[in-house]
Amino acid sequence: MSGVDRISALSDAILVHILSFLPPKTVVTATSTLSRRWRDLWRSVPTVDLDDTAFRGKPDRFLPFAYALMLSRDVTKSILNFRLKCEISSIASSDISLWLKIAIEKKLETLELSYGFYSPMKLPAEILTCSSLVVLKLNNFIVDRTSRVHLPFLKTLHMDRIKFVKGEYLEMILSGCPNIHHLRIKGSELHSSFIPLALTFTDLIHVELLVSQCNWFSIVGLLNSCPLLQVLDVGGYYRSSRPLVVSDHPYSKIAPACLSSHLRACTLRNFHGDDVDIQFATSILQNTRVLNIMSIYCPESSSEGVKLQILKKISMVPRISPTCKVCCSHKHSLQEVEESLALSSRRDLDDSRFSGNGDLFVRFVYAVMLSRDLTQPILKFRLKCHNSSYAQCDVNTWVNAAILRRVETFELSLFPAMNNSAMKLPTGILTCSTLVVLKLTKVRVGHSFIVQLPARKTLYMHGVEFARNENLENFLSGCPNLNHLLELSAV
């Protein structure tokens, strides 16, 4: 029936819950024009959300509004969520401390503070002893004194752009959060001495460590403190050259407990490809039994040669997890080409899609092969290299990867570059027991090889070079079940 006010029929508790999702300025303004029942509901909303960007036209009005909001609240009601975002208005740490004192007394559970100015603000000490906190997110503060930390129920801790005057302050904060589940430290300087050796986080399952200085040795120390870690996201701008394994240090073991049966996702950012970087990635891949995905991001400033070498090195690392995928991200163009190919159980790799950019094609092939689920076969593999010349070792690596994945149909076209001879056929393909169809174009077969292709039924050769005439006969004799010989044009 039209004209019925169904919203007003709801209980006050439900209406307050609805209002908690709206900005306070909107709530106060909107409800003041409604019926008497609505006018005071905003005073009971359990969320205080103060954002000075809502006062861009009059930034000087933000501070009076914030004080008026805190003063007008129903003193008998809890403040479960307190958010403060300050980017344009002048606000003192004493103002924040006063508002926090009120919120903390009201059993505060979620606290988010973001100070957007260039110079960080001192972190109010009372935050670190708010025993009711469950979620704490801080942005752009300085920790210059910490005498006591007591956050027994804290589960989520985000510290972005936090400056620790002393290295031990970070360890003190972490030691006061025994039940933390999700830890993020971003844009901060991690002191080289930070190794949380004396701490054990039995509930910590998600760690993001994106700091201005990142020492892999410290990361290993952190992993040793997180036996149940499931998600790891790390990276930094500067890295210590200290090897990951240091024999004279008792905490240098390379396989922390979380790697054996818990870590499922690992992201390595700003990956330079130094020896210590490769060693860390290798230790994860070789020791993590349930890892589903490893994502590697190189710096934008990295040269194409460096990126290619990283792909090659990582592609050669054996993975103990059969379902692990490795994704290397470099340029948007690479991602777009990969998406356009829509690859699944088929691998169709044609360099004509790359407009003669051989380096991009090589990196793309490595990325495609790395990203596959190792438990899934490659039923059809087609490699066509017409526009550029490639290193023999790269082609061998790709072909061997297809063989290991039980390829059934294999097509290889390796047109030589100008003034170059045809590329040599990787001999591993001649003993692939699962191969049913083999198509070769413009490749060279060496002097010595063994052919054992019991399942092959179709053979196509065009422009194939044999080192000796009798090699062709040997090539065919290894295919006892051959049914179709399509256009034999060999030289």
Foldseek 3Di string as FASTA:
>chain_A
DPPDDPVVVDDLVVVLAVCLVDALVCQQVVQCPDDPVSNQSPLQRLEHAQALVVVVVPSVVRLVVSVVSLVSHDLVHANAYYEHAAAPHDDAPVSVVVSVVSNLVRLYAEYYYEYHDPAAAADDQVVQASQSYAYYAYYRHEDADHDAGAHANHAYYHAENYEYPDLCVVLRSVQNHQAYAEYEYAAYAHDPPQQNQVAARARHAYYAAEYQEDELLSVLSVLLRYLQHAEEHYEHDHYDPDAQADPVDPSSDLAHNNQQEHHAEEEYEQQQQPPNSLVNLLSSQARRARHQEYEYEHDLPHDLVRLLVSLVSVLPRHGNHQNYAYAYDHDVVLVVVVVVVVDDLEAAQACVVVVLPPSSSLSSLSRVLRGDRNVAANAYYAHADDRDADDLVSVLSSVVSNLSRLYAAYAYAFADDPPDAFAADNQVVQQRANYAHYAYHRHEYEDDHAHAHANHAEYHYAAYEYPDPCVVVRSVVNHPNHNYYPDDHYD
